[in-house]
């Protein structure tokens, strides 16, 4: 099993509010799937931990849920994780990407 990053919200959360956020990212996910995941306390979204886009999607959802008064829970490989951990991971991915881009540019200029 690949390391993953995931997000859950409380079972009593508004399905309509949650769906509006989730469907901005996962357009194909049905309302009934979202509803079932919330009611069963399953992960709403889960991505490979090495996916920069996946980590950023989780951060986006976390921030949007908070704006709506929903308190999400974050997980890294099925263990509770903090938003700071994910933000630092995202920052690290960005730095690595920038370094690689700079190296490619330098090689192209040679």
Protein backbone atom coordinates (compact mmCIF):
# COMPACT_ATOMS: atom_id res chain seq x y z
CA UNK A 1 0.00 0.00 0.00
CA UNK A 2 1.35 3.40 -0.98
CA UNK A 3 1.60 6.08 1.70
CA UNK A 4 -1.43 8.28 1.46
CA UNK A 5 -2.79 11.60 2.60
CA UNK A 6 -6.51 11.83 3.30
CA UNK A 7 -9.29 13.95 4.78
CA UNK A 8 -12.49 13.17 6.70
CA UNK A 9 -15.22 15.35 8.14
CA UNK A 10 -17.64 14.65 11.02
CA UNK A 11 -20.63 12.44 10.16
CA UNK A 12 -23.07 15.20 11.12
CA UNK A 13 -21.57 17.64 8.60
CA UNK A 14 -23.69 19.20 5.89
CA UNK A 15 -23.57 16.95 2.86
CA UNK A 16 -24.50 19.82 0.52
CA UNK A 17 -21.67 22.01 1.81
CA UNK A 18 -19.17 19.18 1.65
CA UNK A 19 -20.26 18.18 -1.84
CA UNK A 20 -19.84 21.71 -3.13
CA UNK A 21 -16.19 21.63 -2.06
CA UNK A 22 -15.36 18.06 -3.04
CA UNK A 23 -16.92 18.35 -6.49
CA UNK A 24 -14.70 21.33 -7.31
CA UNK A 25 -11.81 18.86 -7.19
CA UNK A 26 -13.38 15.50 -8.01
CA UNK A 27 -16.06 16.44 -10.52
CA UNK A 28 -17.03 12.83 -11.17
CA UNK A 29 -17.75 11.97 -7.53
CA UNK A 30 -21.47 11.57 -7.00
CA UNK A 31 -23.47 13.18 -4.21
CA UNK A 32 -24.48 9.72 -2.98
CA UNK A 33 -20.82 8.65 -2.81
CA UNK A 34 -19.91 11.80 -0.88
CA UNK A 35 -22.90 11.29 1.43
CA UNK A 36 -21.99 7.67 2.08
CA UNK A 37 -18.38 8.52 2.85
CA UNK A 38 -19.44 11.21 5.33
CA UNK A 39 -22.05 9.03 7.05
CA UNK A 40 -19.62 6.08 7.30
CA UNK A 41 -16.74 8.26 8.52
CA UNK A 42 -14.68 7.21 5.50
CA UNK A 43 -12.06 9.33 3.81
CA UNK A 44 -13.68 11.90 1.55
CA UNK A 45 -10.53 12.20 -0.51
CA UNK A 46 -7.32 10.20 -0.47
CA UNK A 47 -4.19 10.67 -2.57
CA UNK A 48 -0.72 9.24 -2.86
CA UNK A 49 1.50 11.12 -0.42
CA UNK A 50 4.03 11.77 -3.17
CA UNK A 51 1.42 13.59 -5.28
CA UNK A 52 1.95 17.33 -5.01
CA UNK A 53 -1.46 17.93 -6.58
CA UNK A 54 -3.09 15.50 -4.14
CA UNK A 55 -1.51 17.16 -1.11
CA UNK A 56 -2.59 20.56 -2.41
CA UNK A 57 -6.14 19.28 -2.98
CA UNK A 58 -6.33 18.12 0.64
CA UNK A 59 -5.02 21.48 1.86
CA UNK A 60 -7.59 23.29 -0.30
CA UNK A 61 -10.44 21.17 1.10
CA UNK A 62 -9.21 21.66 4.66
CA UNK A 63 -9.22 25.44 4.23
CA UNK A 64 -12.62 25.49 2.52
CA UNK A 65 -14.22 23.25 5.15
CA UNK A 66 -12.93 25.55 7.88
CA UNK A 67 -14.45 28.57 6.14
CA UNK A 68 -17.82 26.78 6.32
CA UNK A 69 -17.43 25.89 10.00
CA UNK A 70 -16.70 22.21 9.34
CA UNK A 71 -13.76 20.76 11.27
CA UNK A 72 -11.94 18.25 9.07
CA UNK A 73 -9.50 15.55 10.19
CA UNK A 74 -6.33 14.92 8.22
CA UNK A 75 -4.47 11.64 7.89
CA UNK A 76 -1.09 10.56 6.67
CA UNK A 77 -0.92 6.81 6.08
CA UNK A 78 -3.95 6.25 8.35
CA UNK A 79 -2.45 8.28 11.22
CA UNK A 80 -3.70 11.70 12.28
CA UNK A 81 -1.76 14.49 10.60
CA UNK A 82 -1.64 18.25 11.00
CA UNK A 83 -2.28 20.93 8.43
CA UNK A 84 1.22 22.27 9.18
CA UNK A 85 2.71 18.93 8.13
CA UNK A 86 0.84 19.06 4.81
CA UNK A 87 1.70 22.71 4.21
CA UNK A 88 5.39 21.98 4.85
CA UNK A 89 5.22 18.99 2.52
CA UNK A 90 3.61 21.12 -0.19
CA UNK A 91 6.28 23.78 0.29
CA UNK A 92 9.00 21.14 -0.02
CA UNK A 93 7.46 19.80 -3.25
CA UNK A 94 7.34 23.35 -4.64
CA UNK A 95 10.99 23.97 -3.74
CA UNK A 96 12.07 20.72 -5.39
CA UNK A 97 10.06 21.55 -8.50
CA UNK A 98 11.60 25.03 -8.66
CA UNK A 99 15.12 23.58 -8.29
CA UNK A 100 14.51 21.09 -11.08
CA UNK A 101 13.13 23.83 -13.32
CA UNK A 102 16.20 25.97 -12.62
CA UNK A 103 18.53 23.07 -13.45
CA UNK A 104 16.68 22.40 -16.70
CA UNK A 105 16.89 26.09 -17.65
CA UNK A 106 20.62 26.13 -16.87
CA UNK A 107 21.17 23.05 -19.03
CA UNK A 108 19.19 24.61 -21.88
CA UNK A 109 21.36 27.74 -21.75
CA UNK A 110 24.59 25.74 -22.14
